[in-house]
Amino acid sequence: MTGSVEGKVALVTGGSRGIGEAISRWFLAHGARGVAITGRKPEGLERAARELGGDRVLPVVGNVSDDDHPDQALTQVMDAFGACDILVNNAGTNPAAGTLMEVDLAAVDKTWDVNLRAPLVFARAAWRHWMADNGGAICNMGSMGGLQPSPVIGAYNVSKAALHFLTRQLAHEMAPGVRVNAVAAAIVKTKLSRLLWESDEQAAANLHPLQRLGTPEDVAEAVGFLCSDAANWITGVVLPVDGGVSGARAGVG
């Protein structure tokens, strides 16, 4: 169900590595005329820009938790490409592990700020700069952790559950011109998720009916579809991309 993003301009937060880089690569391979990638580290952004597509890629340095960053990023995107048709809120964090009874509250604040508040602020900026008048598509990076509780990463799970509802709320408020969806990934082999797989990768893979961890490219295919013209009648959806985890658990009981 691969769709086209021919001639579109996309902004991918956290786009210099992992899932964000794979999503950016998907857009470029499927016809996007420009992709902006954000990140905190200039050297990582410059490397990714070179490897992804040269002058079709705009690196934008900044921290998603800085309220001024989204407007600054959108201004740079508009100056460079004259549009922002697609926004992917991919940047995320999970700075501390622990139960909600014990985890440091400063870490909770940071998790919720990056994983929930920043996507809202970026959506508002995209709306003001382009999408209110021209339409577009937004995809948020949710998680299976936002669909079911699990140990150790409760603050992260709560942030993603809230992001799923934010996705539905924005889909309602930004319609009919802007579609808003999310993907809910299970364990994808990235640096951010290494707490969940690094100690025993095979055991982590065995939690999935398809018997393997996800890859950034698995997620990128789903995000690309939701942002493409092939999904023009889809909004307010949280799509599991999870190796069968949600389907298997739904059949239990």
C-alpha atoms as a PDB file:
ATOM      1  CA  MET A   1       0.000   0.000   0.000  1.00  0.00           C
ATOM      2  CA  THR A   2       2.901   2.328  -0.688  1.00  0.00           C
ATOM      3  CA  GLY A   3       1.673   5.787  -1.575  1.00  0.00           C
ATOM      4  CA  SER A   4       3.232   8.841  -3.111  1.00  0.00           C
ATOM      5  CA  VAL A   5       4.592  11.948  -1.442  1.00  0.00           C
ATOM      6  CA  GLU A   6       5.711  13.305  -4.804  1.00  0.00           C
ATOM      7  CA  GLY A   7       6.571  16.997  -4.582  1.00  0.00           C
ATOM      8  CA  LYS A   8       5.786  17.232  -0.877  1.00  0.00           C
ATOM      9  CA  VAL A   9       7.881  18.803   1.870  1.00  0.00           C
ATOM     10  CA  ALA A  10       8.265  16.979   5.182  1.00  0.00           C
ATOM     11  CA  LEU A  11       9.605  17.927   8.593  1.00  0.00           C
ATOM     12  CA  VAL A  12      10.826  15.048  10.770  1.00  0.00           C
ATOM     13  CA  THR A  13      11.782  15.783  14.356  1.00  0.00           C
ATOM     14  CA  GLY A  14      14.642  13.695  15.679  1.00  0.00           C
ATOM     15  CA  GLY A  15      15.483  12.899  12.078  1.00  0.00           C
ATOM     16  CA  SER A  16      19.238  12.385  12.231  1.00  0.00           C
ATOM     17  CA  ARG A  17      19.322   8.729  13.312  1.00  0.00           C
ATOM     18  CA  GLY A  18      17.287   5.597  13.958  1.00  0.00           C
ATOM     19  CA  ILE A  19      13.603   5.695  13.096  1.00  0.00           C
ATOM     20  CA  GLY A  20      13.667   9.388  12.184  1.00  0.00           C
ATOM     21  CA  GLU A  21      16.457   8.888   9.678  1.00  0.00           C
ATOM     22  CA  ALA A  22      14.661   5.886   8.158  1.00  0.00           C
ATOM     23  CA  ILE A  23      11.463   7.931   7.802  1.00  0.00           C
ATOM     24  CA  SER A  24      13.368  10.767   6.140  1.00  0.00           C
ATOM     25  CA  ARG A  25      14.979   8.307   3.758  1.00  0.00           C
ATOM     26  CA  TRP A  26      11.543   6.860   2.886  1.00  0.00           C
ATOM     27  CA  PHE A  27      10.160  10.300   2.028  1.00  0.00           C
ATOM     28  CA  LEU A  28      13.120  11.092  -0.223  1.00  0.00           C
ATOM     29  CA  ALA A  29      12.874   7.725  -1.959  1.00  0.00           C
ATOM     30  CA  HIS A  30       9.165   8.280  -2.639  1.00  0.00           C
ATOM     31  CA  GLY A  31       9.335  11.679  -4.276  1.00  0.00           C
ATOM     32  CA  ALA A  32       9.530  14.322  -1.551  1.00  0.00           C
ATOM     33  CA  ARG A  33      11.175  17.443  -2.904  1.00  0.00           C
ATOM     34  CA  GLY A  34      12.457  18.435   0.511  1.00  0.00           C
ATOM     35  CA  VAL A  35      12.874  16.974   3.991  1.00  0.00           C
ATOM     36  CA  ALA A  36      13.855  18.958   7.069  1.00  0.00           C
ATOM     37  CA  ILE A  37      15.345  17.025   9.972  1.00  0.00           C
ATOM     38  CA  THR A  38      15.717  18.362  13.491  1.00  0.00           C
ATOM     39  CA  GLY A  39      18.071  17.363  16.260  1.00  0.00           C
ATOM     40  CA  ARG A  40      20.145  18.723  19.119  1.00  0.00           C
ATOM     41  CA  LYS A  41      23.605  17.868  17.755  1.00  0.00           C
ATOM     42  CA  PRO A  42      24.847  19.764  14.664  1.00  0.00           C
ATOM     43  CA  GLU A  43      27.418  17.133  13.718  1.00  0.00           C
ATOM     44  CA  GLY A  44      24.835  14.343  13.639  1.00  0.00           C
ATOM     45  CA  LEU A  45      22.436  16.439  11.590  1.00  0.00           C
ATOM     46  CA  GLU A  46      25.094  17.416   9.065  1.00  0.00           C
ATOM     47  CA  ARG A  47      26.154  13.794   8.639  1.00  0.00           C
ATOM     48  CA  ALA A  48      22.579  12.640   8.140  1.00  0.00           C
ATOM     49  CA  ALA A  49      21.879  15.443   5.670  1.00  0.00           C
ATOM     50  CA  ARG A  50      24.889  14.485   3.567  1.00  0.00           C
ATOM     51  CA  GLU A  51      24.025  10.798   3.579  1.00  0.00           C
ATOM     52  CA  LEU A  52      20.310  11.312   2.942  1.00  0.00           C
ATOM     53  CA  GLY A  53      20.179  13.672   0.031  1.00  0.00           C
ATOM     54  CA  GLY A  54      22.325  16.779  -0.041  1.00  0.00           C
ATOM     55  CA  ASP A  55      20.371  19.881  -1.048  1.00  0.00           C
ATOM     56  CA  ARG A  56      17.020  18.114  -0.661  1.00  0.00           C
ATOM     57  CA  VAL A  57      17.641  17.816   3.081  1.00  0.00           C
ATOM     58  CA  LEU A  58      17.590  20.733   5.513  1.00  0.00           C
ATOM     59  CA  PRO A  59      19.238  20.187   8.920  1.00  0.00           C
ATOM     60  CA  VAL A  60      17.638  22.256  11.685  1.00  0.00           C
ATOM     61  CA  VAL A  61      19.437  22.359  15.027  1.00  0.00           C
ATOM     62  CA  GLY A  62      17.365  22.687  18.174  1.00  0.00           C
ATOM     63  CA  ASN A  63      15.780  21.050  21.188  1.00  0.00           C
ATOM     64  CA  VAL A  64      12.148  20.013  20.762  1.00  0.00           C
ATOM     65  CA  SER A  65      11.420  20.937  24.383  1.00  0.00           C
ATOM     66  CA  ASP A  66      12.352  24.577  23.663  1.00  0.00           C
ATOM     67  CA  ASP A  67       9.087  26.395  22.916  1.00  0.00           C
ATOM     68  CA  ASP A  68      10.797  28.713  20.407  1.00  0.00           C
ATOM     69  CA  HIS A  69      12.270  25.837  18.383  1.00  0.00           C
ATOM     70  CA  PRO A  70       9.137  24.728  16.458  1.00  0.00           C
ATOM     71  CA  ASP A  71       8.435  28.215  15.084  1.00  0.00           C
ATOM     72  CA  GLN A  72      12.101  28.679  14.233  1.00  0.00           C
ATOM     73  CA  ALA A  73      12.166  25.298  12.500  1.00  0.00           C
ATOM     74  CA  LEU A  74       9.018  26.029  10.485  1.00  0.00           C
ATOM     75  CA  THR A  75      10.398  29.411   9.464  1.00  0.00           C
ATOM     76  CA  GLN A  76      13.548  27.723   8.127  1.00  0.00           C
ATOM     77  CA  VAL A  77      11.491  25.091   6.300  1.00  0.00           C
ATOM     78  CA  MET A  78       9.302  27.750   4.672  1.00  0.00           C
ATOM     79  CA  ASP A  79      12.346  29.800   3.667  1.00  0.00           C
ATOM     80  CA  ALA A  80      14.057  26.754   2.156  1.00  0.00           C
ATOM     81  CA  PHE A  81      11.140  24.948   0.500  1.00  0.00           C
ATOM     82  CA  GLY A  82       8.100  27.239   0.645  1.00  0.00           C
ATOM     83  CA  ALA A  83       5.823  24.600   2.194  1.00  0.00           C
ATOM     84  CA  CYS A  84       5.430  22.067   4.998  1.00  0.00           C
ATOM     85  CA  ASP A  85       3.007  19.393   3.847  1.00  0.00           C
ATOM     86  CA  ILE A  86       4.010  16.673   6.321  1.00  0.00           C
ATOM     87  CA  LEU A  87       5.034  16.748   9.974  1.00  0.00           C
ATOM     88  CA  VAL A  88       6.379  13.663  11.732  1.00  0.00           C
ATOM     89  CA  ASN A  89       6.707  14.073  15.496  1.00  0.00           C
ATOM     90  CA  ASN A  90       9.366  11.417  15.932  1.00  0.00           C
ATOM     91  CA  ALA A  91      11.642  12.868  18.621  1.00  0.00           C
ATOM     92  CA  GLY A  92      11.236  11.110  21.944  1.00  0.00           C
ATOM     93  CA  THR A  93      12.988  10.360  25.196  1.00  0.00           C
ATOM     94  CA  ASN A  94      12.992   8.023  28.168  1.00  0.00           C
ATOM     95  CA  PRO A  95      15.679   9.398  30.493  1.00  0.00           C
ATOM     96  CA  ALA A  96      15.067   7.222  33.542  1.00  0.00           C
ATOM     97  CA  ALA A  97      13.768   3.773  34.346  1.00  0.00           C
ATOM     98  CA  GLY A  98      11.723   2.979  37.420  1.00  0.00           C
ATOM     99  CA  THR A  99       8.238   2.644  38.790  1.00  0.00           C
ATOM    100  CA  LEU A 100       6.046   5.716  39.000  1.00  0.00           C
ATOM    101  CA  MET A 101       6.321   5.470  42.792  1.00  0.00           C
ATOM    102  CA  GLU A 102      10.096   5.799  42.655  1.00  0.00           C
ATOM    103  CA  VAL A 103      11.245   7.477  39.438  1.00  0.00           C
ATOM    104  CA  ASP A 104      12.692  10.975  39.704  1.00  0.00           C
ATOM    105  CA  LEU A 105       9.973  13.542  38.989  1.00  0.00           C
ATOM    106  CA  ALA A 106      12.349  15.721  36.996  1.00  0.00           C
ATOM    107  CA  ALA A 107      12.799  12.776  34.617  1.00  0.00           C
ATOM    108  CA  VAL A 108       9.010  12.401  34.426  1.00  0.00           C
ATOM    109  CA  ASP A 109       8.674  16.076  33.524  1.00  0.00           C
ATOM    110  CA  LYS A 110      11.311  15.764  30.796  1.00  0.00           C
ATOM    111  CA  THR A 111       9.674  12.631  29.379  1.00  0.00           C
ATOM    112  CA  TRP A 112       6.243  14.210  29.180  1.00  0.00           C
ATOM    113  CA  ASP A 113       7.636  17.488  27.856  1.00  0.00           C
ATOM    114  CA  VAL A 114       9.462  15.843  24.935  1.00  0.00           C
ATOM    115  CA  ASN A 115       7.007  13.028  24.181  1.00  0.00           C
ATOM    116  CA  LEU A 116       3.718  14.908  24.564  1.00  0.00           C
ATOM    117  CA  ARG A 117       4.032  18.680  24.793  1.00  0.00           C
ATOM    118  CA  ALA A 118       6.574  19.073  21.994  1.00  0.00           C
ATOM    119  CA  PRO A 119       4.390  17.283  19.392  1.00  0.00           C
ATOM    120  CA  LEU A 120       1.539  19.647  20.246  1.00  0.00           C
ATOM    121  CA  VAL A 121       3.753  22.726  19.926  1.00  0.00           C
ATOM    122  CA  PHE A 122       5.123  21.481  16.593  1.00  0.00           C
ATOM    123  CA  ALA A 123       1.598  20.775  15.319  1.00  0.00           C
ATOM    124  CA  ARG A 124       0.521  24.305  16.255  1.00  0.00           C
ATOM    125  CA  ALA A 125       3.545  25.757  14.453  1.00  0.00           C
ATOM    126  CA  ALA A 126       2.889  23.675  11.314  1.00  0.00           C
ATOM    127  CA  TRP A 127      -0.737  24.800  11.410  1.00  0.00           C
ATOM    128  CA  ARG A 128       0.147  28.483  11.647  1.00  0.00           C
ATOM    129  CA  HIS A 129       2.903  28.462   9.042  1.00  0.00           C
ATOM    130  CA  TRP A 130       1.254  26.294   6.356  1.00  0.00           C
ATOM    131  CA  MET A 131      -1.339  23.656   7.122  1.00  0.00           C
ATOM    132  CA  ALA A 132      -4.264  25.855   8.189  1.00  0.00           C
ATOM    133  CA  ASP A 133      -4.497  27.263   4.668  1.00  0.00           C
ATOM    134  CA  ASN A 134      -2.986  24.444   2.623  1.00  0.00           C
ATOM    135  CA  GLY A 135      -3.725  21.180   4.442  1.00  0.00           C
ATOM    136  CA  GLY A 136      -1.292  18.428   5.249  1.00  0.00           C
ATOM    137  CA  ALA A 137      -0.612  15.272   7.203  1.00  0.00           C
ATOM    138  CA  ILE A 138       0.830  14.726  10.669  1.00  0.00           C
ATOM    139  CA  CYS A 139       2.105  11.438  12.088  1.00  0.00           C
ATOM    140  CA  ASN A 140       3.028  11.039  15.746  1.00  0.00           C
ATOM    141  CA  MET A 141       5.410   8.389  17.054  1.00  0.00           C
ATOM    142  CA  GLY A 142       3.387   6.472  19.615  1.00  0.00           C
ATOM    143  CA  SER A 143       4.214   3.159  21.243  1.00  0.00           C
ATOM    144  CA  MET A 144       2.745  -0.152  22.311  1.00  0.00           C
ATOM    145  CA  GLY A 145       3.644   1.115  25.771  1.00  0.00           C
ATOM    146  CA  GLY A 146       0.851   3.630  25.355  1.00  0.00           C
ATOM    147  CA  LEU A 147      -1.651   0.813  24.801  1.00  0.00           C
ATOM    148  CA  GLN A 148      -0.781  -1.450  27.732  1.00  0.00           C
ATOM    149  CA  PRO A 149       1.117  -1.101  31.035  1.00  0.00           C
ATOM    150  CA  SER A 150       4.563  -2.566  31.471  1.00  0.00           C
ATOM    151  CA  PRO A 151       7.221  -2.457  34.188  1.00  0.00           C
ATOM    152  CA  VAL A 152      10.122  -0.017  34.475  1.00  0.00           C
ATOM    153  CA  ILE A 153       9.019   2.576  31.853  1.00  0.00           C
ATOM    154  CA  GLY A 154       5.733   3.815  33.310  1.00  0.00           C
ATOM    155  CA  ALA A 155       6.401   7.534  32.727  1.00  0.00           C
ATOM    156  CA  TYR A 156       7.204   6.823  29.089  1.00  0.00           C
ATOM    157  CA  ASN A 157       4.084   4.668  28.702  1.00  0.00           C
ATOM    158  CA  VAL A 158       1.832   7.355  30.140  1.00  0.00           C
ATOM    159  CA  SER A 159       3.327   9.973  27.804  1.00  0.00           C
ATOM    160  CA  LYS A 160       2.635   7.759  24.804  1.00  0.00           C
ATOM    161  CA  ALA A 161      -0.917   6.953  25.916  1.00  0.00           C
ATOM    162  CA  ALA A 162      -1.549  10.687  26.134  1.00  0.00           C
ATOM    163  CA  LEU A 163       0.062  11.184  22.716  1.00  0.00           C
ATOM    164  CA  HIS A 164      -2.351   8.638  21.249  1.00  0.00           C
ATOM    165  CA  PHE A 165      -5.294  10.635  22.579  1.00  0.00           C
ATOM    166  CA  LEU A 166      -3.700  13.885  21.430  1.00  0.00           C
ATOM    167  CA  THR A 167      -3.531  12.329  17.964  1.00  0.00           C
ATOM    168  CA  ARG A 168      -7.273  11.671  17.978  1.00  0.00           C
ATOM    169  CA  GLN A 169      -8.061  15.105  19.391  1.00  0.00           C
ATOM    170  CA  LEU A 170      -5.940  16.877  16.765  1.00  0.00           C
ATOM    171  CA  ALA A 171      -7.497  14.743  14.030  1.00  0.00           C
ATOM    172  CA  HIS A 172     -10.885  16.034  15.173  1.00  0.00           C
ATOM    173  CA  GLU A 173      -9.816  19.671  15.485  1.00  0.00           C
ATOM    174  CA  MET A 174      -7.637  19.941  12.361  1.00  0.00           C
ATOM    175  CA  ALA A 175     -10.049  18.227   9.969  1.00  0.00           C
ATOM    176  CA  PRO A 176     -10.923  18.389   7.165  1.00  0.00           C
ATOM    177  CA  GLY A 177      -7.715  19.867   5.813  1.00  0.00           C
ATOM    178  CA  VAL A 178      -5.164  18.085   7.968  1.00  0.00           C
ATOM    179  CA  ARG A 179      -5.014  14.356   8.695  1.00  0.00           C
ATOM    180  CA  VAL A 180      -3.434  13.291  11.989  1.00  0.00           C
ATOM    181  CA  ASN A 181      -2.420   9.703  12.732  1.00  0.00           C
ATOM    182  CA  ALA A 182       0.093   7.807  14.861  1.00  0.00           C
ATOM    183  CA  VAL A 183       1.975   4.545  14.837  1.00  0.00           C
ATOM    184  CA  ALA A 184       2.359   2.413  17.961  1.00  0.00           C
ATOM    185  CA  ALA A 185       5.558   0.408  17.654  1.00  0.00           C
ATOM    186  CA  ALA A 186       6.614  -2.504  19.820  1.00  0.00           C
ATOM    187  CA  ILE A 187      10.331  -3.096  20.437  1.00  0.00           C
ATOM    188  CA  VAL A 188      12.350  -1.578  17.615  1.00  0.00           C
ATOM    189  CA  LYS A 189      16.105  -2.053  17.688  1.00  0.00           C
ATOM    190  CA  THR A 190      17.248   1.510  18.341  1.00  0.00           C
ATOM    191  CA  LYS A 191      19.438   3.276  20.869  1.00  0.00           C
ATOM    192  CA  LEU A 192      16.386   4.694  22.670  1.00  0.00           C
ATOM    193  CA  SER A 193      14.875   1.256  23.265  1.00  0.00           C
ATOM    194  CA  ARG A 194      18.060  -0.609  24.172  1.00  0.00           C
ATOM    195  CA  LEU A 195      16.929  -0.988  27.795  1.00  0.00           C
ATOM    196  CA  LEU A 196      14.267  -3.368  26.472  1.00  0.00           C
ATOM    197  CA  TRP A 197      16.471  -5.615  24.311  1.00  0.00           C
ATOM    198  CA  GLU A 198      20.175  -5.128  24.922  1.00  0.00           C
ATOM    199  CA  SER A 199      20.589  -7.656  27.769  1.00  0.00           C
ATOM    200  CA  ASP A 200      18.920 -10.511  25.843  1.00  0.00           C
ATOM    201  CA  GLU A 201      18.013  -9.682  22.259  1.00  0.00           C
ATOM    202  CA  GLN A 202      16.598 -13.114  21.450  1.00  0.00           C
ATOM    203  CA  ALA A 203      14.323 -13.084  24.483  1.00  0.00           C
ATOM    204  CA  ALA A 204      13.048  -9.661  23.449  1.00  0.00           C
ATOM    205  CA  ALA A 205      12.465 -10.913  19.899  1.00  0.00           C
ATOM    206  CA  ASN A 206      10.530 -13.893  21.225  1.00  0.00           C
ATOM    207  CA  LEU A 207       7.962 -11.560  22.801  1.00  0.00           C
ATOM    208  CA  HIS A 208       6.713 -10.861  19.270  1.00  0.00           C
ATOM    209  CA  PRO A 209       4.731 -13.469  17.313  1.00  0.00           C
ATOM    210  CA  LEU A 210       6.878 -12.684  14.263  1.00  0.00           C
ATOM    211  CA  GLN A 211       9.921 -13.649  16.356  1.00  0.00           C
ATOM    212  CA  ARG A 212      12.086 -10.656  15.634  1.00  0.00           C
ATOM    213  CA  LEU A 213      12.616  -7.113  16.777  1.00  0.00           C
ATOM    214  CA  GLY A 214      11.330  -4.313  14.611  1.00  0.00           C
ATOM    215  CA  THR A 215      13.658  -2.241  12.454  1.00  0.00           C
ATOM    216  CA  PRO A 216      13.528   1.497  11.804  1.00  0.00           C
ATOM    217  CA  GLU A 217      12.562   0.657   8.221  1.00  0.00           C
ATOM    218  CA  ASP A 218       9.514  -1.319   9.417  1.00  0.00           C
ATOM    219  CA  VAL A 219       8.225   1.784  11.159  1.00  0.00           C
ATOM    220  CA  ALA A 220       9.185   4.094   8.298  1.00  0.00           C
ATOM    221  CA  GLU A 221       7.034   2.121   5.850  1.00  0.00           C
ATOM    222  CA  ALA A 222       3.975   2.581   8.079  1.00  0.00           C
ATOM    223  CA  VAL A 223       4.625   6.276   8.703  1.00  0.00           C
ATOM    224  CA  GLY A 224       5.228   6.873   5.008  1.00  0.00           C
ATOM    225  CA  PHE A 225       1.943   5.221   4.102  1.00  0.00           C
ATOM    226  CA  LEU A 226      -0.043   7.252   6.655  1.00  0.00           C
ATOM    227  CA  CYS A 227       1.481  10.489   5.358  1.00  0.00           C
ATOM    228  CA  SER A 228       1.004   9.601   1.680  1.00  0.00           C
ATOM    229  CA  ASP A 229      -1.876  10.070  -0.718  1.00  0.00           C
ATOM    230  CA  ALA A 230      -2.700   6.368  -0.310  1.00  0.00           C
ATOM    231  CA  ALA A 231      -4.085   7.194   3.157  1.00  0.00           C
ATOM    232  CA  ASN A 232      -6.209  10.160   2.129  1.00  0.00           C
ATOM    233  CA  TRP A 233      -9.296   8.846   3.947  1.00  0.00           C
ATOM    234  CA  ILE A 234      -7.505   7.843   7.143  1.00  0.00           C
ATOM    235  CA  THR A 235      -7.280  10.124  10.175  1.00  0.00           C
ATOM    236  CA  GLY A 236      -7.387   9.719  13.940  1.00  0.00           C
ATOM    237  CA  VAL A 237      -5.837   6.229  13.728  1.00  0.00           C
ATOM    238  CA  VAL A 238      -3.181   4.746  16.022  1.00  0.00           C
ATOM    239  CA  LEU A 239      -1.698   1.960  13.902  1.00  0.00           C
ATOM    240  CA  PRO A 240       0.115  -0.884  15.705  1.00  0.00           C
ATOM    241  CA  VAL A 241       3.453  -1.728  14.083  1.00  0.00           C
ATOM    242  CA  ASP A 242       4.375  -4.416  16.535  1.00  0.00           C
ATOM    243  CA  GLY A 243       5.270  -7.801  15.089  1.00  0.00           C
ATOM    244  CA  GLY A 244       1.868  -9.147  16.084  1.00  0.00           C
ATOM    245  CA  VAL A 245       1.949  -8.287  19.794  1.00  0.00           C
ATOM    246  CA  SER A 246      -1.371  -6.460  19.976  1.00  0.00           C
ATOM    247  CA  GLY A 247      -3.189  -9.004  17.820  1.00  0.00           C
ATOM    248  CA  ALA A 248      -1.925 -11.950  19.876  1.00  0.00           C
ATOM    249  CA  ARG A 249      -2.869 -10.361  23.190  1.00  0.00           C
ATOM    250  CA  ALA A 250      -6.295  -9.335  21.913  1.00  0.00           C
ATOM    251  CA  GLY A 251      -7.054 -13.019  21.356  1.00  0.00           C
ATOM    252  CA  VAL A 252      -6.276 -14.010  24.939  1.00  0.00           C
ATOM    253  CA  GLY A 253      -9.015 -14.336  27.548  1.00  0.00           C
END
